[in-house]
């Protein structure tokens, strides 16, 4: 029988005196990431007992709005891809991808 292992992903949030994030960093040693700076993060955790999603959404006060728009777009694209892998629901995946294209167009992210 194979032995289970554990892997740790660490998030660090440096706050100002008003508890507003000034710096975010993350470490995932198994992935070769060591205290890498980030400007924003979104973390979702499924609570099976309560049948609801718990979320942490943080961004630093110096996160530019144009980068936030790109961050949201890329997150939405990633969610559509993950949804497809998890459910194999091609029809809804296509609908989600259409929305991602619409979002990019409206946010003027298309180049």
Protein backbone atom coordinates (compact mmCIF):
# COMPACT_ATOMS: atom_id res chain seq x y z
CA UNK A 1 0.00 0.00 0.00
CA UNK A 2 1.34 3.43 -0.95
CA UNK A 3 2.29 5.82 1.80
CA UNK A 4 0.39 9.11 1.83
CA UNK A 5 2.37 12.31 1.87
CA UNK A 6 1.40 15.86 2.66
CA UNK A 7 2.16 19.08 0.84
CA UNK A 8 1.90 22.57 2.27
CA UNK A 9 0.95 25.78 0.53
CA UNK A 10 1.60 28.83 2.68
CA UNK A 11 0.08 32.29 2.23
CA UNK A 12 1.50 35.33 4.02
CA UNK A 13 -0.36 38.62 4.30
CA UNK A 14 1.40 41.73 5.54
CA UNK A 15 -1.14 44.27 6.79
CA UNK A 16 -0.90 48.00 7.42
CA UNK A 17 -2.15 49.64 10.63
CA UNK A 18 -5.73 49.50 9.26
CA UNK A 19 -5.41 45.79 8.47
CA UNK A 20 -5.35 46.45 4.72
CA UNK A 21 -3.02 44.10 2.79
CA UNK A 22 0.26 45.73 1.80
CA UNK A 23 2.14 42.61 0.72
CA UNK A 24 1.10 39.11 -0.23
CA UNK A 25 3.45 36.19 -0.73
CA UNK A 26 3.09 32.47 -1.14
CA UNK A 27 5.24 29.38 -0.82
CA UNK A 28 4.68 25.95 -2.34
CA UNK A 29 7.93 24.09 -1.91
CA UNK A 30 6.75 21.04 -3.86
CA UNK A 31 6.21 23.38 -6.81
CA UNK A 32 9.51 25.21 -6.39
CA UNK A 33 7.84 28.41 -5.15
CA UNK A 34 9.49 30.11 -2.19
CA UNK A 35 8.04 33.34 -0.80
CA UNK A 36 6.90 34.57 -4.22
CA UNK A 37 5.24 38.00 -4.20
CA UNK A 38 1.66 38.37 -5.39
CA UNK A 39 -0.63 41.37 -5.77
CA UNK A 40 -3.91 39.47 -5.38
CA UNK A 41 -5.31 36.07 -4.45
CA UNK A 42 -8.64 34.29 -4.48
CA UNK A 43 -9.07 31.16 -2.43
CA UNK A 44 -12.25 29.06 -2.43
CA UNK A 45 -12.85 26.15 -0.09
CA UNK A 46 -15.87 23.83 -0.28
CA UNK A 47 -17.58 23.15 3.05
CA UNK A 48 -19.34 19.87 2.36
CA UNK A 49 -21.29 19.88 5.62
CA UNK A 50 -22.78 23.33 5.07
CA UNK A 51 -22.91 22.85 1.28
CA UNK A 52 -21.35 26.25 0.68
CA UNK A 53 -18.18 27.88 -0.55
CA UNK A 54 -15.93 29.73 1.86
CA UNK A 55 -13.78 32.40 0.23
CA UNK A 56 -10.84 34.66 0.84
CA UNK A 57 -10.31 37.43 -1.70
CA UNK A 58 -7.35 39.73 -1.03
CA UNK A 59 -5.42 42.28 -3.02
CA UNK A 60 -2.75 44.78 -2.09
CA UNK A 61 -3.54 48.45 -2.06
CA UNK A 62 -1.09 49.00 -4.92
CA UNK A 63 -2.77 46.46 -7.23
CA UNK A 64 -3.50 48.40 -10.44
CA UNK A 65 -7.08 48.28 -11.75
CA UNK A 66 -5.93 47.17 -15.22
CA UNK A 67 -4.10 44.21 -13.67
CA UNK A 68 -7.18 43.39 -11.54
CA UNK A 69 -9.29 43.20 -14.71
CA UNK A 70 -6.75 40.78 -16.26
CA UNK A 71 -6.61 38.79 -13.01
CA UNK A 72 -10.39 38.38 -12.98
CA UNK A 73 -10.50 37.43 -16.66
CA UNK A 74 -7.76 34.82 -16.32
CA UNK A 75 -9.42 33.47 -13.17
CA UNK A 76 -12.74 33.12 -15.00
CA UNK A 77 -11.03 31.34 -17.92
CA UNK A 78 -9.34 28.99 -15.46
CA UNK A 79 -12.63 28.30 -13.70
CA UNK A 80 -14.26 27.38 -17.02
CA UNK A 81 -11.38 24.96 -17.76
CA UNK A 82 -11.58 23.45 -14.28
CA UNK A 83 -15.36 23.15 -14.53
CA UNK A 84 -14.95 21.20 -17.77
CA UNK A 85 -12.34 18.84 -16.28
CA UNK A 86 -14.50 18.28 -13.18
CA UNK A 87 -17.89 17.81 -14.87
CA UNK A 88 -17.29 17.09 -18.59
CA UNK A 89 -20.28 19.39 -19.19
CA UNK A 90 -19.29 20.68 -22.64
CA UNK A 91 -22.41 22.81 -23.14
CA UNK A 92 -22.03 24.81 -19.93
CA UNK A 93 -18.27 25.04 -20.45
CA UNK A 94 -18.90 26.65 -23.85
CA UNK A 95 -21.35 29.07 -22.22
CA UNK A 96 -18.76 29.99 -19.60
CA UNK A 97 -16.10 30.47 -22.29
CA UNK A 98 -18.49 32.72 -24.22
CA UNK A 99 -18.91 34.82 -21.10
CA UNK A 100 -15.11 35.00 -20.68
CA UNK A 101 -14.84 36.31 -24.25
CA UNK A 102 -17.61 38.84 -23.57
CA UNK A 103 -15.89 39.93 -20.34
CA UNK A 104 -12.57 40.41 -22.15
CA UNK A 105 -14.26 42.42 -24.88
CA UNK A 106 -16.12 44.70 -22.43
CA UNK A 107 -12.99 45.19 -20.30
CA UNK A 108 -11.01 45.88 -23.52
CA UNK A 109 -8.57 43.06 -22.75
CA UNK A 110 -8.49 41.68 -26.30
CA UNK A 111 -5.36 42.64 -28.22
